[in-house]
Amino acid sequence: MISADSTPTLVAVDGTRALALYPHGPEPSSTHDPVVLFISGVASSSLNWAAVVRQLSSSMRCYTYDRAGYRHSDISPHPPTAQNIAQDLRHLVENVPITNPLILVGHSWAGVLINEFIALTGNGSHIAGLVLVDANHESMPQVLNVNDPDLQVVSEGIDPYIAKGLAEEHKMTQAEWDALMADEATEKYATIARLEDEQYAASFETLQSKRLDQQRPLLGGKPVYVIGGMRSRDWNGMYNAGVTRGNGSEDQRTRVRALISTADRKSEIIQKRHLELSTMGKLVFARESGHFVQITQPELIVKGVEWVINCLNSPTTILITRANRGIGIGITECFLAKASRTVIAAVRNSAHASAHALQKLPIGLDSRLVIVKLDASIEQDAQEAVAELQREHRIQHLDVVIANAGIGAISGDTKALEELGARADISADGFVSRIVGVSQLDVSLADLADRGHSNHLPISNATYAPTKTAISWYTIRINAEDEWLNCFSIDPGHVSTVLGDKAAQAVDVGEKAPLSVQDSCEGMMKVLAKASKKEFGGKLVVYTGEISGW
């Protein structure tokens, strides 16, 4: 298990002072592995993450740190505004340096701090995803006032850790709890806690002024896991302790009871707004916790980190063209059945019954289906599809593109140039237009699969086969042009679809093609699951996993 505390590394942040950083767990095995960075709420010690850190896998690298003025960190000459804290965090990450992508785990006010950090640094490769723990949203003061004056009067003189049940219900070891209590009993802690409290209210208005809401989704498709706590649990405890102490007038107590009665509903509104940060999000509630979920249900934060990692380890946003026909339906069904997938089904006619039928396919946990019109024969369709995905579905990136559309015809006459041109426009040029069109999105990894020319059928096809040769050239060229993009073609085999069966009848091999859609798609899914640029890039891969010659 990972120790909740460790020897700090003092990191210079502006040349005159240092922040204390605490590494936990082994070094990551590669520069691509994400690491976790915990960010505490207002007036909160980093030690309140102890139980979460301890429960993380020993293979997971994570960091806690003391903000300026806490524990082993120097006091800053600047006020602890959210912007200044974000600036310190930026210097900390850059000066260590922490080069691995960060899973930022933030509690309470850290919701504001993380947004300020993103506003400062941008949504770059340094951010892998978020876990937000009952986090503040910039609109929170308009929805739920956690510093309600009547609540403060009724709660005056009350020990919050006792009244909220944290002293009895925490999941920390005794040593971890004692360390937290000792830290928050120091004069140094009291000073910085007071200074942060003074900056708390203004931080929301400052963040709102940046209009980050106009950049939604701010994190594109990066995973965001949101955990909501039950504010009513905390406030009921504080209220009961305050009444026992004789705090507040009857009118004040009445108003506090009214506040408590709506607290969880309003808090849910706030937590749902965090999902607007990304197209890939999940919201859960800690029903047995108040605000400090990391103290009473640390396992939920661990699950959140694991969820983010699982999302990062597999493709999440998939665009499939001609998704309502033949092989396209099969591939769409395979991806849609998986968990945490956004499957974009591109169809030539979104009003067609076959497009509507896609909505009846089984959908995996946390997955969704988006149907968009994309006809390769219409020049502006790709651009309009991109605009629709961005505007209506908040999709800013693609992980996998499966270019499956084309026109098939059986013709052995090479003199049919007009027909050949039509086939090339749709099958080959259409392939390129789809790729160029979707490249307006942030395509982090594209596995581009089109129907590879089948080597095992004796078909003389002067109108369809040449388009496959053209796509072969495009596949090799596109794969070579961009190091980050993995482009290859898949031969699905001779599949029993409407077109596949017509081909079988045309060459007298039977009424139906020999391979079922299910068997072909299952094979192709295995190919896609292990696809790497080194192994498959620029090549023709058979659905069985074999590399075929062009």
Protein backbone atom coordinates (compact mmCIF):
# COMPACT_ATOMS: atom_id res chain seq x y z
CA MET A 1 0.00 0.00 0.00
CA ILE A 2 1.06 3.60 -0.51
CA SER A 3 1.92 5.71 2.49
CA ALA A 4 -0.36 8.70 3.00
CA ASP A 5 2.62 10.92 3.74
CA SER A 6 6.17 10.90 2.46
CA THR A 7 9.28 13.02 2.50
CA PRO A 8 8.52 16.25 0.63
CA THR A 9 10.40 17.53 -2.36
CA LEU A 10 10.76 21.30 -2.12
CA VAL A 11 10.11 22.84 -5.53
CA ALA A 12 10.99 26.46 -6.29
CA VAL A 13 8.03 28.29 -7.81
CA ASP A 14 9.16 31.90 -8.26
CA GLY A 15 12.80 31.99 -7.23
CA THR A 16 12.15 33.14 -3.67
CA ARG A 17 9.99 30.39 -2.19
CA ALA A 18 9.17 26.71 -2.52
CA LEU A 19 6.17 24.41 -2.42
CA ALA A 20 6.26 20.96 -0.84
CA LEU A 21 5.44 18.08 -3.18
CA TYR A 22 4.85 14.54 -1.88
CA PRO A 23 5.39 11.66 -4.33
CA HIS A 24 3.60 8.36 -3.65
CA GLY A 25 4.12 5.05 -5.40
CA PRO A 26 6.57 3.95 -8.08
CA GLU A 27 7.76 6.03 -10.98
CA PRO A 28 5.56 5.56 -14.07
CA SER A 29 6.84 2.96 -16.50
CA SER A 30 6.69 5.37 -19.44
CA THR A 31 6.22 9.06 -20.17
CA HIS A 32 2.75 8.28 -21.50
CA ASP A 33 1.37 6.76 -18.29
CA PRO A 34 -0.95 9.15 -16.43
CA VAL A 35 -0.17 10.22 -12.88
CA VAL A 36 -2.55 11.57 -10.25
CA LEU A 37 -2.29 15.01 -8.66
CA PHE A 38 -4.55 15.74 -5.68
CA ILE A 39 -5.81 19.29 -5.07
CA SER A 40 -7.47 20.17 -1.77
CA GLY A 41 -10.39 22.48 -1.11
CA VAL A 42 -10.42 25.85 0.60
CA ALA A 43 -8.76 25.92 4.04
CA SER A 44 -7.97 22.20 3.76
CA SER A 45 -4.78 20.28 4.47
CA SER A 46 -3.43 17.95 1.80
CA LEU A 47 -3.43 15.26 4.50
CA ASN A 48 -7.17 14.77 4.06
CA TRP A 49 -6.35 12.65 0.98
CA ALA A 50 -4.49 10.08 3.10
CA ALA A 51 -7.03 7.25 2.85
CA VAL A 52 -7.40 7.68 -0.91
CA VAL A 53 -3.65 7.64 -1.50
CA ARG A 54 -3.28 4.55 0.66
CA GLN A 55 -5.95 2.67 -1.29
CA LEU A 56 -4.50 3.37 -4.71
CA SER A 57 -2.73 0.56 -6.49
CA SER A 58 0.97 0.31 -5.74
CA SER A 59 1.57 0.63 -9.48
CA MET A 60 0.00 4.10 -9.58
CA ARG A 61 2.14 7.20 -9.25
CA CYS A 62 0.39 10.06 -7.47
CA TYR A 63 1.25 13.37 -5.84
CA THR A 64 -0.11 15.51 -3.05
CA TYR A 65 1.23 18.98 -2.39
CA ASP A 66 1.01 21.78 0.16
CA ARG A 67 -0.27 25.04 -1.25
CA ALA A 68 1.58 28.21 -0.28
CA GLY A 69 1.31 28.74 3.46
CA TYR A 70 0.46 25.13 4.36
CA ARG A 71 2.70 22.73 6.29
CA HIS A 72 6.12 22.55 4.60
CA SER A 73 5.45 25.13 1.89
CA ASP A 74 6.63 28.72 2.19
CA ILE A 75 4.18 31.54 2.73
CA SER A 76 3.52 33.56 -0.43
CA PRO A 77 3.76 37.35 -0.53
CA HIS A 78 0.74 37.26 -2.84
CA PRO A 79 -2.87 36.80 -1.68
CA PRO A 80 -4.16 33.22 -2.15
CA THR A 81 -6.57 34.00 -4.96
CA ALA A 82 -7.65 31.14 -7.20
CA GLN A 83 -5.62 32.65 -10.03
CA ASN A 84 -2.45 32.89 -7.92
CA ILE A 85 -2.91 29.34 -6.67
CA ALA A 86 -3.30 28.13 -10.28
CA GLN A 87 -0.13 30.00 -11.22
CA ASP A 88 1.74 28.31 -8.37
CA LEU A 89 0.44 24.94 -9.51
CA ARG A 90 1.63 25.61 -13.03
CA HIS A 91 5.13 26.48 -11.79
CA LEU A 92 5.13 23.39 -9.57
CA VAL A 93 4.28 21.03 -12.44
CA GLU A 94 6.74 22.69 -14.83
CA ASN A 95 9.64 22.99 -12.39
CA VAL A 96 9.63 19.46 -10.96
CA PRO A 97 8.99 18.69 -13.84
CA ILE A 98 5.99 16.37 -14.00
CA THR A 99 5.92 15.45 -17.68
CA ASN A 100 3.39 12.62 -17.56
CA PRO A 101 -0.25 13.49 -18.30
CA LEU A 102 -2.12 14.50 -15.15
CA ILE A 103 -5.31 13.09 -13.73
CA LEU A 104 -6.34 16.04 -11.57
CA VAL A 105 -8.35 15.00 -8.52
CA GLY A 106 -9.92 18.01 -6.85
CA HIS A 107 -12.21 18.53 -3.86
CA SER A 108 -14.55 21.45 -3.17
CA TRP A 109 -12.87 24.77 -4.10
CA ALA A 110 -10.50 22.78 -6.30
CA GLY A 111 -13.30 22.81 -8.88
CA VAL A 112 -12.58 26.52 -9.29
CA LEU A 113 -8.81 26.07 -9.00
CA ILE A 114 -8.72 23.42 -11.72
CA ASN A 115 -10.72 25.60 -14.09
CA GLU A 116 -8.30 28.46 -13.44
CA PHE A 117 -5.41 26.05 -14.12
CA ILE A 118 -6.98 25.03 -17.45
CA ALA A 119 -7.62 28.67 -18.34
CA LEU A 120 -3.94 29.36 -17.65
CA THR A 121 -2.34 26.34 -19.31
CA GLY A 122 -4.92 25.30 -21.90
CA ASN A 123 -6.30 21.86 -22.60
CA GLY A 124 -3.00 20.33 -23.65
CA SER A 125 -1.46 16.89 -23.43
CA HIS A 126 -0.47 17.66 -19.81
CA ILE A 127 -4.08 16.97 -18.76
CA ALA A 128 -5.37 13.40 -19.05
CA GLY A 129 -8.66 13.74 -17.19
CA LEU A 130 -10.41 14.87 -14.02
CA VAL A 131 -11.99 13.44 -10.90
CA LEU A 132 -14.09 16.12 -9.19
CA VAL A 133 -15.10 15.41 -5.59
CA ASP A 134 -18.18 17.41 -4.55
CA ALA A 135 -16.46 20.24 -6.37
CA ASN A 136 -17.49 23.87 -6.63
CA HIS A 137 -18.79 25.17 -9.95
CA GLU A 138 -18.44 28.79 -11.03
CA SER A 139 -22.23 29.18 -10.84
CA MET A 140 -22.45 27.78 -7.31
CA PRO A 141 -23.14 31.07 -5.44
CA GLN A 142 -26.27 31.57 -7.56
CA VAL A 143 -27.53 28.08 -6.75
CA LEU A 144 -26.36 27.15 -3.25
CA ASN A 145 -24.71 29.48 -0.75
CA VAL A 146 -22.46 27.34 1.44
CA ASN A 147 -21.61 30.43 3.50
CA ASP A 148 -25.22 31.25 4.30
CA PRO A 149 -25.18 33.74 7.22
CA ASP A 150 -27.98 31.98 9.12
CA LEU A 151 -26.14 28.66 8.83
CA GLN A 152 -22.99 30.30 10.15
CA VAL A 153 -24.85 31.71 13.17
CA VAL A 154 -26.45 28.38 14.02
CA SER A 155 -23.08 26.60 13.55
CA GLU A 156 -21.02 29.03 15.63
CA GLY A 157 -18.60 27.40 18.07
CA ILE A 158 -19.25 23.88 16.75
CA ASP A 159 -16.44 21.41 15.96
CA PRO A 160 -17.26 20.51 12.35
CA TYR A 161 -15.40 17.20 12.37
CA ILE A 162 -17.47 16.01 15.33
CA ALA A 163 -20.82 17.52 14.30
CA LYS A 164 -20.56 16.18 10.74
CA GLY A 165 -19.67 12.71 12.00
CA LEU A 166 -16.24 12.71 10.38
CA ALA A 167 -14.44 11.95 13.63
CA GLU A 168 -16.36 8.68 13.92
CA GLU A 169 -16.96 7.73 10.29
CA HIS A 170 -13.57 8.48 8.71
CA LYS A 171 -11.71 5.67 6.91
CA MET A 172 -8.25 6.91 7.81
CA THR A 173 -5.84 5.07 10.07
CA GLN A 174 -5.43 6.54 13.54
CA ALA A 175 -2.00 7.84 12.59
CA GLU A 176 -3.38 9.50 9.46
CA TRP A 177 -6.24 11.09 11.40
CA ASP A 178 -3.96 12.31 14.16
CA ALA A 179 -1.61 13.88 11.58
CA LEU A 180 -4.51 15.72 9.93
CA MET A 181 -5.84 17.02 13.24
CA ALA A 182 -2.36 18.10 14.36
CA ASP A 183 -1.73 19.98 11.12
CA GLU A 184 -5.03 21.86 11.25
CA ALA A 185 -4.38 22.82 14.87
CA THR A 186 -1.25 24.83 14.02
CA GLU A 187 -1.07 28.61 13.85
CA LYS A 188 0.36 28.36 10.34
CA TYR A 189 -2.73 26.49 9.17
CA ALA A 190 -5.08 28.95 10.88
CA THR A 191 -3.41 31.86 9.10
CA ILE A 192 -3.59 30.44 5.58
CA ALA A 193 -7.10 29.08 6.15
CA ARG A 194 -8.30 32.57 7.07
CA LEU A 195 -6.58 34.13 4.06
CA GLU A 196 -8.09 31.59 1.67
CA ASP A 197 -11.55 32.06 3.16
CA GLU A 198 -11.23 35.77 2.45
CA GLN A 199 -10.60 35.05 -1.25
CA TYR A 200 -13.21 32.32 -1.63
CA ALA A 201 -16.33 34.31 -2.58
CA ALA A 202 -14.60 36.56 -5.13
CA SER A 203 -13.05 33.59 -6.95
CA PHE A 204 -16.37 32.58 -8.50
CA GLU A 205 -17.00 35.96 -10.10
CA THR A 206 -13.41 36.09 -11.35
CA LEU A 207 -13.74 32.68 -12.98
CA GLN A 208 -17.09 33.57 -14.54
CA SER A 209 -15.52 36.66 -16.11
CA LYS A 210 -13.26 34.40 -18.18
CA ARG A 211 -16.34 33.02 -19.97
CA LEU A 212 -14.96 29.50 -20.14
CA ASP A 213 -18.54 28.35 -20.68
CA GLN A 214 -18.22 29.65 -24.24
CA GLN A 215 -15.45 27.11 -24.86
CA ARG A 216 -17.50 24.05 -23.91
CA PRO A 217 -16.56 21.32 -23.80
CA LEU A 218 -13.40 22.76 -22.30
CA LEU A 219 -11.69 19.36 -22.14
CA GLY A 220 -13.02 18.01 -25.42
CA GLY A 221 -13.50 14.28 -24.98
CA LYS A 222 -11.20 13.73 -22.01
CA PRO A 223 -12.76 11.67 -19.19
CA VAL A 224 -14.33 13.61 -16.32
CA TYR A 225 -15.61 11.69 -13.29
CA VAL A 226 -17.86 13.68 -10.95
CA ILE A 227 -18.69 12.63 -7.38
CA GLY A 228 -21.43 14.45 -5.51
CA GLY A 229 -21.70 14.43 -1.72
CA MET A 230 -24.77 14.86 0.47
CA ARG A 231 -24.59 18.39 1.89
CA SER A 232 -27.68 17.73 4.00
CA ARG A 233 -25.77 15.17 6.09
CA ASP A 234 -23.19 17.75 7.12
CA TRP A 235 -25.63 20.58 7.67
CA ASN A 236 -28.08 18.48 9.66
CA GLY A 237 -25.23 17.54 11.99
CA MET A 238 -24.15 21.16 12.35
CA TYR A 239 -27.74 22.30 12.87
CA ASN A 240 -28.47 19.74 15.59
CA ALA A 241 -25.24 20.54 17.42
CA GLY A 242 -25.95 24.27 17.13
CA VAL A 243 -29.49 23.98 18.45
CA THR A 244 -28.23 21.91 21.38
CA ARG A 245 -25.79 24.72 22.09
CA GLY A 246 -28.59 27.27 21.89
CA ASN A 247 -27.39 28.98 18.71
CA GLY A 248 -29.67 31.08 16.51
CA SER A 249 -33.14 32.51 16.81
CA GLU A 250 -36.24 30.55 15.82
CA ASP A 251 -36.43 32.48 12.55
CA GLN A 252 -32.80 31.68 11.78
CA ARG A 253 -33.31 28.02 12.59
CA THR A 254 -36.37 27.90 10.35
CA ARG A 255 -34.41 29.35 7.47
CA VAL A 256 -31.57 26.87 8.04
CA ARG A 257 -34.01 23.94 7.98
CA ALA A 258 -35.36 25.24 4.67
CA LEU A 259 -31.80 25.53 3.36
CA ILE A 260 -31.05 21.94 4.37
CA SER A 261 -34.24 20.62 2.77
CA THR A 262 -33.15 21.79 -0.69
CA ALA A 263 -29.38 21.40 -0.33
CA ASP A 264 -28.99 18.01 -2.01
CA ARG A 265 -31.26 18.88 -4.93
CA LYS A 266 -29.37 22.11 -5.57
CA SER A 267 -26.04 20.38 -5.14
CA GLU A 268 -27.05 17.85 -7.78
CA ILE A 269 -27.71 20.70 -10.22
CA ILE A 270 -24.19 21.99 -9.58
CA GLN A 271 -22.52 18.61 -9.99
CA LYS A 272 -24.31 17.94 -13.28
CA ARG A 273 -22.89 21.17 -14.69
CA HIS A 274 -19.38 19.75 -14.35
CA LEU A 275 -20.30 17.22 -17.04
CA GLU A 276 -20.31 20.09 -19.54
CA LEU A 277 -16.51 20.08 -19.31
CA SER A 278 -16.29 17.07 -21.61
CA THR A 279 -18.19 14.83 -23.97
CA MET A 280 -17.04 11.89 -21.83
CA GLY A 281 -18.30 12.18 -18.27
CA LYS A 282 -19.85 10.20 -15.46
CA LEU A 283 -21.70 11.38 -12.36
CA VAL A 284 -22.08 9.33 -9.17
CA PHE A 285 -23.24 10.25 -5.69
CA ALA A 286 -21.66 9.37 -2.36
CA ARG A 287 -24.88 8.64 -0.49
CA GLU A 288 -23.08 7.82 2.75
CA SER A 289 -20.97 10.98 2.83
CA GLY A 290 -21.29 14.67 3.28
CA HIS A 291 -18.88 17.09 1.63
CA PHE A 292 -15.62 15.30 2.54
CA VAL A 293 -16.09 12.14 0.48
CA GLN A 294 -12.34 11.46 0.48
CA ILE A 295 -12.47 11.00 4.25
CA THR A 296 -15.58 8.84 4.58
CA GLN A 297 -15.78 6.99 1.24
CA PRO A 298 -12.26 7.10 -0.21
CA GLU A 299 -12.94 4.04 -2.33
CA LEU A 300 -15.23 6.13 -4.55
CA ILE A 301 -12.35 8.42 -5.49
CA VAL A 302 -10.20 5.38 -6.24
CA LYS A 303 -12.97 4.06 -8.51
CA GLY A 304 -13.09 7.44 -10.20
CA VAL A 305 -9.37 7.34 -10.97
CA GLU A 306 -9.72 3.79 -12.27
CA TRP A 307 -12.63 4.85 -14.49
CA VAL A 308 -10.56 7.66 -15.99
CA ILE A 309 -7.67 5.28 -16.65
CA ASN A 310 -9.98 2.73 -18.27
CA CYS A 311 -11.34 5.44 -20.56
CA LEU A 312 -7.81 6.51 -21.46
CA ASN A 313 -6.73 2.96 -22.22
CA SER A 314 -9.29 2.36 -24.95
CA PRO A 315 -10.72 4.30 -27.90
CA THR A 316 -13.85 6.16 -26.89
CA THR A 317 -15.17 8.15 -29.86
CA ILE A 318 -15.71 6.21 -33.08
CA LEU A 319 -17.00 7.48 -36.43
CA ILE A 320 -18.40 4.79 -38.74
CA THR A 321 -19.55 5.71 -42.24
CA ARG A 322 -22.44 3.89 -43.94
CA ALA A 323 -23.30 2.63 -40.49
CA ASN A 324 -26.83 1.60 -41.44
CA ARG A 325 -25.86 -0.91 -44.11
CA GLY A 326 -24.27 -4.35 -44.13
CA ILE A 327 -20.89 -4.46 -42.43
CA GLY A 328 -21.46 -0.94 -41.10
CA ILE A 329 -24.37 -2.14 -38.97
CA GLY A 330 -22.27 -4.98 -37.61
CA ILE A 331 -19.33 -2.76 -36.66
CA THR A 332 -21.67 -0.16 -35.15
CA GLU A 333 -23.36 -2.82 -33.04
CA CYS A 334 -20.00 -4.17 -31.82
CA PHE A 335 -18.69 -0.78 -30.69
CA LEU A 336 -22.00 0.40 -29.26
CA ALA A 337 -22.27 -2.67 -27.02
CA LYS A 338 -19.01 -1.74 -25.27
CA ALA A 339 -18.84 0.51 -22.22
CA SER A 340 -17.86 4.19 -22.38
CA ARG A 341 -18.13 4.66 -26.14
CA THR A 342 -19.49 7.49 -28.25
CA VAL A 343 -20.40 5.89 -31.56
CA ILE A 344 -21.07 8.31 -34.42
CA ALA A 345 -23.10 6.55 -37.10
CA ALA A 346 -22.70 8.42 -40.39
CA VAL A 347 -25.48 7.67 -42.89
CA ARG A 348 -26.42 9.03 -46.30
CA ASN A 349 -30.01 9.68 -45.27
CA SER A 350 -30.64 10.23 -41.57
CA ALA A 351 -34.42 10.09 -42.13
CA HIS A 352 -34.29 6.58 -43.62
CA ALA A 353 -35.84 3.73 -41.65
CA SER A 354 -32.50 1.91 -41.57
CA ALA A 355 -30.96 4.91 -39.77
CA HIS A 356 -33.74 4.98 -37.19
CA ALA A 357 -33.30 1.23 -36.68
CA LEU A 358 -29.80 1.87 -35.30
CA GLN A 359 -31.39 3.44 -32.23
CA LYS A 360 -32.75 0.02 -31.26
CA LEU A 361 -29.29 -1.55 -31.02
CA PRO A 362 -28.11 -2.58 -27.51
CA ILE A 363 -26.06 0.15 -25.83
CA GLY A 364 -23.29 -0.54 -23.31
CA LEU A 365 -22.82 1.21 -19.97
CA ASP A 366 -22.06 4.93 -20.36
CA SER A 367 -22.12 4.64 -24.16
CA ARG A 368 -24.17 6.71 -26.59
CA LEU A 369 -25.16 6.72 -30.25
CA VAL A 370 -25.01 9.84 -32.43
CA ILE A 371 -26.47 9.67 -35.95
CA VAL A 372 -25.21 12.22 -38.47
CA LYS A 373 -25.80 12.71 -42.21
CA LEU A 374 -22.67 12.19 -44.31
CA ASP A 375 -22.96 11.55 -48.05
CA ALA A 376 -19.61 11.37 -49.84
CA SER A 377 -21.26 12.44 -53.10
CA ILE A 378 -22.22 15.81 -51.59
CA GLU A 379 -19.21 18.10 -51.32
CA GLN A 380 -20.25 20.09 -48.24
CA ASP A 381 -21.59 17.15 -46.21
CA ALA A 382 -18.35 16.43 -44.32
CA GLN A 383 -18.01 20.05 -43.17
CA GLU A 384 -21.67 20.22 -42.16
CA ALA A 385 -21.35 16.95 -40.25
CA VAL A 386 -18.36 18.30 -38.31
CA ALA A 387 -20.25 21.48 -37.46
CA GLU A 388 -23.22 19.45 -36.22
CA LEU A 389 -21.03 17.21 -34.06
CA GLN A 390 -19.35 20.21 -32.47
CA ARG A 391 -22.48 22.33 -32.06
CA GLU A 392 -25.15 19.83 -31.05
CA HIS A 393 -23.17 16.98 -29.51
CA ARG A 394 -20.08 18.78 -28.13
CA ILE A 395 -17.76 16.33 -29.89
CA GLN A 396 -14.34 17.84 -30.52
CA HIS A 397 -12.21 14.79 -31.26
CA LEU A 398 -12.30 11.34 -32.81
CA ASP A 399 -10.36 8.29 -31.71
CA VAL A 400 -11.24 5.91 -34.53
CA VAL A 401 -12.60 6.57 -38.02
CA ILE A 402 -13.93 3.60 -39.97
CA ALA A 403 -14.47 4.73 -43.56
CA ASN A 404 -16.85 2.04 -44.75
CA ALA A 405 -18.90 3.65 -47.54
CA GLY A 406 -18.61 2.99 -51.23
CA ILE A 407 -20.54 1.89 -54.30
CA GLY A 408 -20.21 -1.63 -55.63
CA ALA A 409 -20.92 -2.76 -59.17
CA ILE A 410 -19.99 -5.78 -61.26
CA SER A 411 -18.65 -4.76 -64.66
CA GLY A 412 -15.81 -6.20 -66.66
CA ASP A 413 -15.84 -3.54 -69.34
CA THR A 414 -12.88 -1.20 -68.89
CA LYS A 415 -14.37 1.09 -71.54
CA ALA A 416 -17.16 2.13 -69.15
CA LEU A 417 -15.20 5.24 -68.17
CA GLU A 418 -18.25 7.27 -67.15
CA GLU A 419 -19.31 4.58 -64.69
CA LEU A 420 -15.73 4.20 -63.49
CA GLY A 421 -15.59 7.93 -62.78
CA ALA A 422 -18.78 7.77 -60.75
CA ARG A 423 -17.49 4.85 -58.72
CA ALA A 424 -14.17 6.60 -58.11
CA ASP A 425 -15.90 9.79 -57.01
CA ILE A 426 -17.81 7.92 -54.30
CA SER A 427 -15.46 5.12 -53.29
CA ALA A 428 -11.99 6.66 -53.57
CA ASP A 429 -12.47 10.43 -53.58
CA GLY A 430 -15.26 10.00 -51.06
CA PHE A 431 -12.85 8.18 -48.80
CA VAL A 432 -10.49 11.16 -48.89
CA SER A 433 -13.25 13.75 -48.46
CA ARG A 434 -14.46 11.99 -45.34
CA ILE A 435 -10.96 12.04 -43.87
CA VAL A 436 -10.31 15.66 -44.83
CA GLY A 437 -13.69 16.66 -43.48
CA VAL A 438 -13.37 15.05 -40.09
CA SER A 439 -9.81 16.32 -39.73
CA GLN A 440 -11.37 19.60 -38.64
CA LEU A 441 -11.97 17.75 -35.39
CA ASP A 442 -9.12 16.81 -33.08
CA VAL A 443 -8.50 13.24 -34.31
CA SER A 444 -6.12 11.87 -31.71
CA LEU A 445 -5.92 8.40 -33.33
CA ALA A 446 -7.55 7.32 -36.56
CA ASP A 447 -7.75 3.71 -37.72
CA LEU A 448 -9.13 4.18 -41.22
CA ALA A 449 -10.68 1.01 -42.56
CA ASP A 450 -12.25 0.63 -45.97
CA ARG A 451 -13.24 -2.50 -47.81
CA GLY A 452 -9.93 -3.82 -48.97
CA HIS A 453 -9.80 -5.54 -52.37
CA SER A 454 -10.46 -9.22 -51.87
CA ASN A 455 -7.75 -11.48 -53.31
CA HIS A 456 -9.78 -14.65 -53.14
CA LEU A 457 -12.64 -13.97 -55.60
CA PRO A 458 -12.12 -14.34 -59.39
CA ILE A 459 -14.01 -11.12 -60.19
CA SER A 460 -13.24 -8.98 -63.21
CA ASN A 461 -14.52 -5.62 -62.00
CA ALA A 462 -13.44 -2.64 -64.05
CA THR A 463 -15.51 -0.09 -62.14
CA TYR A 464 -15.13 -1.10 -58.50
CA ALA A 465 -11.68 -2.69 -58.25
CA PRO A 466 -9.71 0.38 -59.44
CA THR A 467 -11.17 2.45 -56.62
CA LYS A 468 -9.68 -0.05 -54.18
CA THR A 469 -6.28 0.47 -55.80
CA ALA A 470 -6.67 4.21 -55.33
CA ILE A 471 -7.58 3.73 -51.69
CA SER A 472 -4.48 1.56 -51.27
CA TRP A 473 -2.34 4.51 -52.38
CA TYR A 474 -4.23 6.96 -50.16
CA THR A 475 -3.87 4.64 -47.16
CA ILE A 476 -0.09 4.44 -47.53
CA ARG A 477 0.24 8.19 -48.14
CA ILE A 478 -1.99 9.30 -45.25
CA ASN A 479 -0.25 6.94 -42.84
CA ALA A 480 3.15 8.33 -43.86
CA GLU A 481 2.20 11.99 -43.58
CA ASP A 482 1.36 12.14 -39.88
CA GLU A 483 3.31 10.32 -37.18
CA TRP A 484 0.41 10.44 -34.71
CA LEU A 485 -2.12 8.92 -37.11
CA ASN A 486 -2.45 5.18 -37.75
CA CYS A 487 -4.06 4.57 -41.14
CA PHE A 488 -4.62 1.09 -42.56
CA SER A 489 -7.20 -0.86 -44.58
CA ILE A 490 -9.10 -3.94 -43.54
CA ASP A 491 -10.23 -6.71 -45.89
CA PRO A 492 -13.47 -7.90 -44.25
CA GLY A 493 -13.63 -11.02 -46.41
CA HIS A 494 -16.46 -11.99 -48.76
CA VAL A 495 -19.34 -11.07 -46.46
CA SER A 496 -22.98 -12.00 -46.83
CA THR A 497 -24.51 -8.55 -47.27
CA VAL A 498 -26.85 -7.38 -50.03
CA LEU A 499 -23.89 -6.39 -52.21
CA GLY A 500 -21.82 -9.38 -51.11
CA ASP A 501 -24.56 -11.81 -52.07
CA LYS A 502 -25.03 -10.11 -55.45
CA ALA A 503 -21.32 -10.54 -56.10
CA ALA A 504 -21.51 -14.22 -55.15
CA GLN A 505 -24.40 -14.76 -57.57
CA ALA A 506 -22.64 -12.84 -60.33
CA VAL A 507 -19.61 -15.14 -60.29
CA ASP A 508 -21.61 -18.32 -59.62
CA VAL A 509 -20.17 -19.15 -56.20
CA GLY A 510 -23.60 -19.51 -54.59
CA GLU A 511 -26.67 -17.59 -53.54
CA LYS A 512 -24.90 -16.08 -50.55
CA ALA A 513 -21.37 -15.01 -49.73
CA PRO A 514 -19.59 -17.51 -47.45
CA LEU A 515 -18.83 -15.21 -44.48
CA SER A 516 -21.44 -13.87 -42.05
CA VAL A 517 -21.48 -10.22 -40.99
CA GLN A 518 -21.05 -11.32 -37.37
CA ASP A 519 -17.95 -13.42 -38.04
CA SER A 520 -16.37 -10.70 -40.18
CA CYS A 521 -17.07 -7.98 -37.61
CA GLU A 522 -15.81 -10.05 -34.70
CA GLY A 523 -12.57 -10.58 -36.58
CA MET A 524 -12.23 -6.91 -37.46
CA MET A 525 -12.88 -5.88 -33.85
CA LYS A 526 -9.95 -8.07 -32.78
CA VAL A 527 -7.78 -6.40 -35.41
CA LEU A 528 -8.82 -2.93 -34.24
CA ALA A 529 -8.22 -3.83 -30.59
CA LYS A 530 -4.54 -4.55 -31.20
CA ALA A 531 -3.96 -2.03 -33.97
CA SER A 532 -0.67 -0.17 -33.79
CA LYS A 533 1.00 2.06 -36.35
CA LYS A 534 4.15 -0.04 -36.25
CA GLU A 535 2.31 -3.28 -37.00
CA PHE A 536 -0.56 -2.20 -39.29
CA GLY A 537 0.14 1.37 -40.45
CA GLY A 538 -0.14 1.75 -44.24
CA LYS A 539 -0.98 -1.92 -44.73
CA LEU A 540 -3.89 -4.10 -45.80
CA VAL A 541 -4.97 -6.32 -42.92
CA VAL A 542 -7.37 -9.24 -43.37
CA TYR A 543 -10.18 -9.59 -40.81
CA THR A 544 -8.37 -12.70 -39.52
CA GLY A 545 -5.40 -10.55 -38.49
CA GLU A 546 -3.10 -11.55 -41.35
CA ILE A 547 -1.16 -8.92 -43.27
CA SER A 548 -2.05 -9.10 -46.97
CA GLY A 549 -0.15 -7.79 -49.94
CA TRP A 550 -1.55 -4.76 -51.73
